[in-house]
N, C-alpha and C. Protein backbone atom coordinates (compact mmCIF):
# COMPACT_ATOMS: atom_id res chain seq x y z
N MET A 1 179.99 9.66 214.75
CA MET A 1 179.47 10.76 215.45
C MET A 1 180.35 11.81 214.10
N ILE A 2 179.49 12.82 214.23
CA ILE A 2 179.76 13.37 213.00
C ILE A 2 180.26 15.21 213.86
N THR A 3 181.31 15.70 213.63
CA THR A 3 181.26 16.66 214.31
C THR A 3 181.29 18.38 213.13
N ASN A 4 181.32 19.11 213.61
CA ASN A 4 180.88 20.39 212.72
C ASN A 4 182.65 20.81 212.49
N VAL A 5 182.51 22.02 211.51
CA VAL A 5 183.81 22.00 211.01
C VAL A 5 183.79 23.87 210.17
N THR A 6 184.51 24.51 210.43
CA THR A 6 184.20 25.93 209.75
C THR A 6 185.31 25.72 208.63
N LEU A 7 185.08 25.95 207.39
CA LEU A 7 186.53 25.42 206.33
C LEU A 7 186.62 26.75 205.53
N THR A 8 187.60 27.49 205.79
CA THR A 8 188.67 28.25 204.55
C THR A 8 187.92 28.31 203.23
N THR A 9 187.87 29.54 202.45
CA THR A 9 187.69 29.86 201.15
C THR A 9 188.61 28.74 200.14
N LYS A 10 190.05 28.88 201.11
CA LYS A 10 191.18 27.65 200.32
C LYS A 10 190.72 26.13 199.79
N GLU A 11 190.09 25.73 201.47
CA GLU A 11 189.73 24.40 201.58
C GLU A 11 188.49 23.84 201.18
N LYS A 12 187.78 25.32 201.15
CA LYS A 12 186.13 24.77 199.84
C LYS A 12 186.86 24.60 198.71
N PHE A 13 187.76 25.49 197.89
CA PHE A 13 188.08 25.01 196.71
C PHE A 13 188.88 23.92 196.79
N LEU A 14 189.37 23.35 197.60
CA LEU A 14 190.18 21.98 197.35
C LEU A 14 189.40 21.11 197.53
N LEU A 15 188.17 21.21 198.30
CA LEU A 15 187.01 19.90 198.71
C LEU A 15 186.45 19.92 197.11
N GLU A 16 186.27 21.21 196.63
CA GLU A 16 184.83 21.22 195.32
C GLU A 16 186.30 20.61 194.29
N ASP A 17 187.62 20.60 194.16
CA ASP A 17 188.17 19.88 193.15
C ASP A 17 188.13 18.35 193.62
N GLN A 18 188.29 17.93 194.75
CA GLN A 18 188.13 16.65 194.94
C GLN A 18 186.50 15.69 194.57
N LYS A 19 185.89 16.90 194.48
CA LYS A 19 184.32 16.37 194.32
C LYS A 19 184.71 16.08 192.78
N SER A 20 185.04 16.95 192.19
CA SER A 20 185.14 16.51 191.09
C SER A 20 186.05 15.49 190.78
N ASP A 21 187.02 15.12 190.72
CA ASP A 21 187.83 14.30 190.41
C ASP A 21 187.08 13.22 190.85
N GLU A 22 186.13 12.89 192.37
CA GLU A 22 185.10 11.61 192.62
C GLU A 22 184.47 11.28 191.34
N GLN A 23 183.05 12.20 191.11
CA GLN A 23 182.85 12.21 189.80
C GLN A 23 183.35 11.38 188.65
N ILE A 24 184.45 12.08 188.37
CA ILE A 24 185.00 11.30 187.59
C ILE A 24 185.68 10.34 187.56
N CYS A 25 186.12 9.64 188.51
CA CYS A 25 186.33 8.19 189.06
C CYS A 25 184.97 7.71 188.65
N ILE A 26 183.80 8.08 189.50
CA ILE A 26 182.39 6.89 189.70
C ILE A 26 181.76 6.61 188.16
N GLN A 27 182.32 8.46 187.27
CA GLN A 27 181.97 7.96 185.98
C GLN A 27 183.13 6.92 184.91
N LYS A 28 184.32 7.04 185.54
CA LYS A 28 185.12 5.88 184.42
C LYS A 28 184.40 4.38 184.74
N TYR A 29 184.53 4.42 186.68
CA TYR A 29 184.70 3.33 186.95
C TYR A 29 182.90 2.54 186.12
N ALA A 30 181.97 3.57 186.40
CA ALA A 30 180.67 2.99 185.42
C ALA A 30 181.11 2.72 184.06
N ASN A 31 181.56 3.92 183.45
CA ASN A 31 181.61 2.97 182.02
C ASN A 31 182.41 1.89 181.99
N TYR A 32 183.61 2.06 182.34
CA TYR A 32 184.58 0.83 182.08
C TYR A 32 184.28 -0.45 182.28
N ALA A 33 183.15 -0.24 183.75
CA ALA A 33 182.25 -1.77 183.88
C ALA A 33 181.93 -2.42 182.92
N ASN A 34 181.17 -1.29 182.36
CA ASN A 34 179.95 -1.93 181.18
C ASN A 34 180.74 -2.24 179.72
N LEU A 35 182.28 -1.66 179.90
CA LEU A 35 182.83 -2.16 178.40
C LEU A 35 183.99 -3.20 179.08
N ALA A 36 184.09 -3.24 180.01
CA ALA A 36 185.30 -4.88 180.37
C ALA A 36 184.63 -5.61 179.86
N THR A 37 185.43 -6.45 178.83
CA THR A 37 184.98 -8.12 178.75
C THR A 37 185.19 -8.97 179.53
N ASP A 38 186.08 -9.02 180.50
CA ASP A 38 186.35 -9.86 181.97
C ASP A 38 185.50 -9.58 183.20
N PRO A 39 184.92 -10.44 183.66
CA PRO A 39 184.02 -10.64 184.60
C PRO A 39 184.75 -9.89 185.64
N GLU A 40 186.05 -10.88 186.19
CA GLU A 40 186.43 -10.38 187.41
C GLU A 40 187.13 -8.94 187.23
N LEU A 41 187.40 -8.08 186.04
CA LEU A 41 187.63 -7.15 185.89
C LEU A 41 186.09 -6.20 186.20
N LYS A 42 185.11 -6.18 185.82
CA LYS A 42 184.20 -5.92 186.02
C LYS A 42 183.71 -6.02 187.54
N ASN A 43 184.07 -7.06 188.12
CA ASN A 43 183.80 -6.77 189.59
C ASN A 43 184.60 -6.02 190.37
N ILE A 44 186.21 -5.87 189.85
CA ILE A 44 186.65 -5.16 190.23
C ILE A 44 186.28 -3.26 190.24
N LEU A 45 186.18 -3.15 189.14
CA LEU A 45 185.55 -1.73 188.82
C LEU A 45 184.82 -1.71 189.38
N ASN A 46 183.28 -2.42 189.57
CA ASN A 46 181.97 -1.97 190.21
C ASN A 46 182.37 -1.98 191.47
N SER A 47 183.25 -2.21 192.32
CA SER A 47 183.89 -2.58 193.73
C SER A 47 183.69 -1.17 193.84
N ASN A 48 184.87 -0.57 192.89
CA ASN A 48 185.70 1.00 193.04
C ASN A 48 184.83 1.72 192.95
N LYS A 49 183.64 1.91 191.80
CA LYS A 49 182.57 2.57 191.31
C LYS A 49 182.27 2.76 193.11
N LYS A 50 181.38 1.91 194.13
CA LYS A 50 180.65 1.98 195.64
C LYS A 50 181.73 2.68 195.85
N GLN A 51 182.89 2.91 196.21
CA GLN A 51 183.78 3.05 197.32
C GLN A 51 183.68 4.47 197.24
N GLU A 52 183.72 5.02 195.19
CA GLU A 52 184.23 6.21 194.71
C GLU A 52 182.68 7.26 195.41
N GLU A 53 181.59 6.40 194.76
CA GLU A 53 180.51 6.61 195.66
C GLU A 53 180.64 7.50 197.31
N GLU A 54 181.18 6.64 198.06
CA GLU A 54 181.24 6.69 199.08
C GLU A 54 182.24 7.81 199.63
N HIS A 55 183.05 8.21 198.91
CA HIS A 55 184.19 9.07 198.81
C HIS A 55 183.41 10.67 198.72
N LEU A 56 182.28 10.77 197.14
CA LEU A 56 182.16 11.89 197.19
C LEU A 56 180.99 12.08 198.02
N ASN A 57 180.22 10.64 198.65
CA ASN A 57 179.07 11.60 200.31
C ASN A 57 180.26 12.35 200.89
N THR A 58 181.52 11.50 201.35
CA THR A 58 182.05 12.26 202.49
C THR A 58 182.68 13.62 202.02
N ILE A 59 182.81 13.94 201.36
CA ILE A 59 183.25 15.61 200.67
C ILE A 59 181.93 16.00 200.54
N ASN A 60 180.64 15.69 200.30
CA ASN A 60 179.23 16.70 200.49
C ASN A 60 178.82 16.95 201.92
N GLN A 61 179.81 15.82 202.63
CA GLN A 61 179.75 16.42 203.62
C GLN A 61 180.85 17.58 204.30
N LEU A 62 181.71 17.17 204.12
CA LEU A 62 182.96 18.22 204.41
C LEU A 62 182.58 19.47 203.70
N LEU A 63 182.10 19.62 202.54
CA LEU A 63 181.58 20.75 202.19
C LEU A 63 180.25 21.47 203.11
N SER A 64 179.82 20.50 203.73
CA SER A 64 178.31 21.27 204.24
C SER A 64 179.28 21.37 205.15
N GLY A 65 180.24 21.44 206.24
CA GLY A 65 180.66 21.52 207.17
C GLY A 65 180.98 20.88 208.36
N LYS A 66 180.26 19.38 207.94
CA LYS A 66 180.40 18.06 208.97
C LYS A 66 181.15 17.13 208.42
N VAL A 67 182.18 17.12 209.84
CA VAL A 67 183.02 15.98 209.39
C VAL A 67 182.68 14.46 209.58
N PRO A 68 182.53 13.70 209.08
CA PRO A 68 182.36 12.27 209.42
C PRO A 68 183.56 11.39 210.22
N SER A 69 182.88 10.48 211.22
CA SER A 69 183.81 9.79 211.48
C SER A 69 184.55 8.93 210.77
N MET A 70 185.55 8.02 210.72
CA MET A 70 185.77 7.06 209.94
C MET A 70 185.81 6.03 210.87
N ASN A 71 185.49 5.64 211.94
CA ASN A 71 185.15 4.19 212.42
C ASN A 71 183.60 4.03 212.36
N SER A 72 183.02 4.96 212.17
CA SER A 72 181.49 4.03 211.30
C SER A 72 181.37 4.02 210.38
N ASN A 73 180.06 3.33 209.62
CA ASN A 73 179.87 2.96 208.18
C ASN A 73 180.38 4.12 207.40
N GLN A 74 181.06 4.58 206.45
CA GLN A 74 181.42 5.43 205.51
C GLN A 74 179.79 5.39 204.51
N GLY A 75 179.52 4.36 204.13
CA GLY A 75 178.63 4.44 203.43
C GLY A 75 177.13 4.59 203.54
N SER A 76 177.14 4.45 204.85
CA SER A 76 175.29 4.63 205.11
C SER A 76 174.97 5.50 204.42
N SER A 77 175.28 6.43 204.05
CA SER A 77 174.09 7.52 203.38
C SER A 77 175.16 7.30 201.80
N SER A 78 175.57 6.83 201.44
CA SER A 78 176.15 6.52 199.88
C SER A 78 174.79 6.70 199.02
N GLN A 79 174.17 5.28 199.60
CA GLN A 79 173.18 5.68 198.72
C GLN A 79 171.99 6.40 197.99
N SER A 80 171.96 7.12 199.09
CA SER A 80 170.83 8.90 198.79
C SER A 80 171.91 9.44 197.90
N ASN A 81 173.36 9.16 198.09
CA ASN A 81 174.01 10.45 197.02
C ASN A 81 174.56 9.70 195.83
N SER A 82 174.06 8.59 195.90
CA SER A 82 174.69 7.93 194.44
C SER A 82 173.79 8.54 193.15
N SER A 83 172.38 8.19 193.49
CA SER A 83 171.50 8.82 192.11
C SER A 83 171.80 9.78 191.94
N SER A 84 171.80 10.84 193.26
CA SER A 84 172.42 12.39 192.65
C SER A 84 173.58 12.25 192.07
N SER A 85 174.44 11.83 192.39
CA SER A 85 175.99 11.84 191.64
C SER A 85 175.59 11.12 190.12
N GLU A 86 174.92 10.39 190.03
CA GLU A 86 175.05 9.76 188.79
C GLU A 86 174.08 10.32 188.04
N GLU A 87 173.12 11.46 188.36
CA GLU A 87 172.25 12.75 187.26
C GLU A 87 173.11 13.46 186.71
N SER A 88 174.30 13.61 187.47
CA SER A 88 175.20 14.66 187.50
C SER A 88 176.21 14.91 186.38
N ILE A 89 176.23 12.98 186.58
CA ILE A 89 177.12 12.46 185.35
C ILE A 89 176.64 11.56 184.13
N SER A 90 177.22 12.28 183.13
CA SER A 90 177.04 11.06 182.24
C SER A 90 177.41 9.54 182.29
N GLY A 91 176.52 8.52 181.80
CA GLY A 91 176.24 7.54 181.99
C GLY A 91 177.12 6.86 180.74
N SER A 92 177.35 8.16 179.69
CA SER A 92 177.49 7.45 178.20
C SER A 92 179.14 6.53 178.10
N ALA A 93 178.81 5.77 177.36
CA ALA A 93 180.45 5.07 177.58
C ALA A 93 181.17 5.70 176.58
N LYS A 94 180.87 6.60 175.85
CA LYS A 94 181.51 7.15 174.33
C LYS A 94 182.65 7.74 174.80
N SER A 95 182.72 8.02 176.10
CA SER A 95 184.55 8.51 176.66
C SER A 95 185.27 7.45 176.44
N SER A 96 185.46 6.27 176.37
CA SER A 96 186.30 5.25 176.18
C SER A 96 186.24 4.82 174.81
N GLN A 97 185.44 5.54 173.86
CA GLN A 97 185.69 5.35 172.47
C GLN A 97 186.12 6.34 171.20
N SER A 98 186.73 6.60 170.43
CA SER A 98 187.13 7.42 170.06
C SER A 98 187.06 7.08 168.48
N LYS A 99 186.76 7.60 167.56
CA LYS A 99 186.81 7.19 166.37
C LYS A 99 187.63 8.17 165.86
N GLY A 100 187.93 7.00 164.81
CA GLY A 100 189.05 7.30 163.45
C GLY A 100 188.75 7.47 162.00
N SER A 101 189.45 7.28 161.11
CA SER A 101 189.04 7.21 159.70
C SER A 101 188.88 6.32 159.37
N SER A 102 189.03 5.16 160.46
CA SER A 102 188.07 3.91 159.93
C SER A 102 186.89 3.24 160.57
N GLY A 103 186.31 4.23 161.31
CA GLY A 103 185.35 3.61 162.48
C GLY A 103 185.38 3.86 163.45
N THR A 104 185.14 2.37 164.41
CA THR A 104 184.88 2.98 166.52
C THR A 104 186.09 2.32 166.73
N PHE A 105 186.82 2.28 167.77
CA PHE A 105 187.96 1.91 168.11
C PHE A 105 187.36 1.67 169.34
N GLN A 106 186.90 0.44 169.69
CA GLN A 106 186.94 0.52 171.19
C GLN A 106 187.86 -0.19 172.22
N ALA A 107 188.02 0.35 173.36
CA ALA A 107 189.49 0.05 174.45
C ALA A 107 189.31 -1.25 174.55
N SER A 108 190.14 -1.90 175.02
CA SER A 108 190.62 -3.19 175.75
C SER A 108 190.61 -3.42 177.16
N ASP A 109 190.76 -4.21 177.38
CA ASP A 109 190.60 -4.06 178.75
C ASP A 109 192.22 -3.27 179.58
N LYS A 110 192.93 -3.72 179.02
CA LYS A 110 194.19 -3.03 179.52
C LYS A 110 193.99 -1.90 179.00
N ASP A 111 193.58 -1.29 178.00
CA ASP A 111 193.61 0.35 177.67
C ASP A 111 192.99 0.37 179.15
N LEU A 112 191.81 0.05 179.85
CA LEU A 112 190.77 0.69 180.47
C LEU A 112 191.71 0.48 181.72
N CYS A 113 192.23 -0.34 181.96
CA CYS A 113 192.92 -0.16 183.33
C CYS A 113 194.25 1.06 183.42
N THR A 114 194.79 0.95 182.48
CA THR A 114 195.96 1.35 181.92
C THR A 114 195.27 3.08 182.20
N ASP A 115 194.54 3.22 181.90
CA ASP A 115 193.85 4.42 182.05
C ASP A 115 193.12 5.08 184.30
N LEU A 116 192.31 3.43 184.08
CA LEU A 116 192.24 3.99 185.46
C LEU A 116 193.43 3.95 186.82
N LEU A 117 194.55 3.36 186.42
CA LEU A 117 195.81 3.20 186.96
C LEU A 117 196.17 4.61 187.28
N MET A 118 195.94 5.26 185.79
CA MET A 118 196.62 7.08 185.60
C MET A 118 195.46 7.87 186.26
N THR A 119 194.47 7.80 186.37
CA THR A 119 193.77 8.35 187.10
C THR A 119 194.10 8.08 188.51
N GLU A 120 193.91 7.14 189.24
CA GLU A 120 194.30 6.86 190.43
C GLU A 120 195.29 7.45 190.93
N LYS A 121 196.35 7.31 190.29
CA LYS A 121 197.35 7.98 190.38
C LYS A 121 197.42 9.44 190.56
N PHE A 122 196.80 10.33 189.54
CA PHE A 122 196.44 11.62 189.86
C PHE A 122 195.38 12.02 190.98
N VAL A 123 193.98 11.35 191.27
CA VAL A 123 193.57 11.38 192.08
C VAL A 123 194.47 11.07 193.60
N SER A 124 195.23 10.68 193.85
CA SER A 124 195.79 9.92 195.17
C SER A 124 196.90 11.25 195.82
N GLY A 125 197.78 12.02 194.04
CA GLY A 125 198.30 13.43 194.44
C GLY A 125 197.51 14.13 194.48
N ASN A 126 196.02 14.41 194.16
CA ASN A 126 195.69 15.63 194.68
C ASN A 126 195.32 15.41 195.97
N TYR A 127 194.57 14.31 196.50
CA TYR A 127 194.04 13.90 197.82
C TYR A 127 196.02 14.53 198.68
N ASP A 128 196.86 14.10 198.66
CA ASP A 128 198.40 14.12 198.90
C ASP A 128 198.26 15.87 199.23
N THR A 129 197.96 16.86 198.52
CA THR A 129 198.41 18.03 198.21
C THR A 129 197.16 18.52 199.30
N ALA A 130 196.01 18.42 199.09
CA ALA A 130 194.87 18.68 199.71
C ALA A 130 195.22 18.79 201.12
N ILE A 131 195.76 17.35 201.76
CA ILE A 131 195.75 16.85 203.55
C ILE A 131 196.62 18.14 203.90
N PHE A 132 197.60 18.64 203.10
CA PHE A 132 198.33 19.19 203.72
C PHE A 132 198.29 20.76 203.95
N GLU A 133 197.02 21.12 202.87
CA GLU A 133 196.54 22.65 203.20
C GLU A 133 195.25 22.43 204.13
N PHE A 134 195.08 21.86 204.96
CA PHE A 134 193.83 21.75 206.02
C PHE A 134 194.23 22.09 207.09
N LYS A 135 194.00 23.14 207.84
CA LYS A 135 193.95 23.04 209.47
C LYS A 135 193.70 22.22 210.40
N ASP A 136 192.36 21.68 210.38
CA ASP A 136 191.81 20.44 211.09
C ASP A 136 192.11 18.91 210.76
N PRO A 137 192.62 19.13 212.13
CA PRO A 137 193.41 17.34 211.80
C PRO A 137 192.00 16.50 211.72
N GLN A 138 191.08 16.43 212.23
CA GLN A 138 190.08 15.43 211.91
C GLN A 138 190.16 15.49 210.09
N VAL A 139 189.72 17.00 209.83
CA VAL A 139 189.43 17.08 208.32
C VAL A 139 190.85 15.95 207.72
N ARG A 140 192.08 16.05 208.06
CA ARG A 140 193.16 16.08 207.09
C ARG A 140 192.92 14.38 207.32
N ASP A 141 192.29 13.89 208.51
CA ASP A 141 192.33 12.38 208.84
C ASP A 141 191.66 11.84 207.83
N VAL A 142 190.19 12.40 207.55
CA VAL A 142 189.25 11.53 206.93
C VAL A 142 189.59 11.84 205.32
N LEU A 143 190.48 12.71 204.63
CA LEU A 143 191.15 12.90 203.49
C LEU A 143 192.15 12.12 203.40
N ASN A 144 192.94 11.71 204.11
CA ASN A 144 194.23 11.00 204.66
C ASN A 144 193.32 9.32 204.67
N HIS A 145 192.34 9.11 204.66
CA HIS A 145 191.49 8.05 205.09
C HIS A 145 191.36 7.63 203.33
N ILE A 146 190.14 8.25 203.07
CA ILE A 146 190.14 8.42 201.48
C ILE A 146 191.32 8.00 200.41
N GLN A 147 192.50 8.82 200.57
CA GLN A 147 193.74 8.71 199.70
C GLN A 147 194.27 7.45 200.27
N LYS A 148 194.45 6.65 201.03
CA LYS A 148 194.51 5.02 200.78
C LYS A 148 193.02 4.29 200.34
N GLU A 149 192.25 4.81 200.66
CA GLU A 149 191.23 4.29 199.71
C GLU A 149 191.67 4.03 198.09
N GLU A 150 191.96 5.32 197.74
CA GLU A 150 192.40 5.50 196.03
C GLU A 150 193.40 5.16 196.00
N GLN A 151 194.68 4.80 196.66
CA GLN A 151 195.70 3.98 196.70
C GLN A 151 195.15 2.07 196.53
N LYS A 152 194.43 2.11 197.21
CA LYS A 152 194.22 0.35 196.70
C LYS A 152 193.16 0.00 195.81
N HIS A 153 192.65 1.22 195.63
CA HIS A 153 192.05 0.88 194.10
C HIS A 153 193.30 0.88 193.26
N GLY A 154 193.91 1.67 192.90
CA GLY A 154 195.06 1.71 192.27
C GLY A 154 196.28 0.08 192.43
N GLU A 155 196.15 -0.27 193.43
CA GLU A 155 196.55 -1.30 194.17
C GLU A 155 195.82 -3.05 193.10
N SER A 156 194.74 -2.69 193.25
CA SER A 156 193.95 -4.11 192.76
C SER A 156 193.45 -3.59 191.24
N ILE A 157 193.81 -2.61 190.53
CA ILE A 157 193.69 -2.68 189.27
C ILE A 157 195.34 -2.90 188.75
N TYR A 158 196.61 -2.55 189.61
CA TYR A 158 197.56 -3.16 189.11
C TYR A 158 197.87 -4.23 189.66
N LYS A 159 197.46 -5.28 190.46
CA LYS A 159 197.57 -6.96 190.66
C LYS A 159 196.58 -7.53 189.40
N TYR A 160 195.62 -6.64 189.36
CA TYR A 160 194.88 -7.31 188.14
C TYR A 160 195.60 -7.43 187.22
N MET A 161 195.98 -6.15 186.32
CA MET A 161 196.89 -6.07 185.51
C MET A 161 198.09 -7.61 185.33
N GLU A 162 199.38 -6.87 186.65
CA GLU A 162 200.00 -7.80 186.73
C GLU A 162 199.86 -9.49 186.37
N SER A 163 198.82 -9.57 187.15
CA SER A 163 197.68 -11.68 186.82
C SER A 163 197.35 -11.99 185.56
N LYS A 164 197.47 -10.60 184.95
CA LYS A 164 196.70 -11.29 183.32
C LYS A 164 197.77 -10.65 182.30
N GLY A 165 199.39 -10.68 182.79
CA GLY A 165 200.39 -9.93 181.69
C GLY A 165 200.44 -9.07 181.14
N MET A 166 199.35 -8.04 181.88
CA MET A 166 199.20 -6.27 181.17
C MET A 166 200.34 -5.56 181.31
N TYR A 167 201.08 -6.07 182.54
CA TYR A 167 201.93 -4.94 183.23
C TYR A 167 202.91 -6.15 183.54
N LYS A 168 204.55 -5.86 183.29
CA LYS A 168 205.09 -5.88 183.22
C LYS A 168 206.32 -4.94 184.26
N PRO A 169 206.40 -4.93 185.26
CA PRO A 169 207.42 -4.43 186.43
C PRO A 169 209.09 -4.79 186.07
N LYS A 170 209.77 -3.60 185.37
CA LYS A 170 211.23 -4.10 184.71
C LYS A 170 212.29 -3.50 186.03
């Protein structure tokens, strides 16, 4: 069940920020899945990308004044949004490469994971701030749901890195 909500100007700005974060996550997951060498990592990144597309769809629904129920299948309309989000995001893998004086440096799977883990920490923190700024408890619940999924993305990357000896907590 979808309910309607009237957003304040500040809430709209916060959602626009979250929309931008989600677009960047989609771009990174798509680019990095293409660059990853390990098939297991590719699967993790593609799975996380699909959820990020669902998050973007949810944010767009909120921006249009609709609060989706988190009990229903959140991804039901993400298919229609994914093509438009991909059009607005460059699919170029150049963002994970940098040119040095000796040519092109290709990021390793560890580099990709480290960047994505930092990104998920940042995005989750932004959701935490936004949750406190919304007056409507249903919207806060939706944002909290997305934040928990962002934390799961970070956890999946962390567990992958730990299992491959890329991340050793001290």
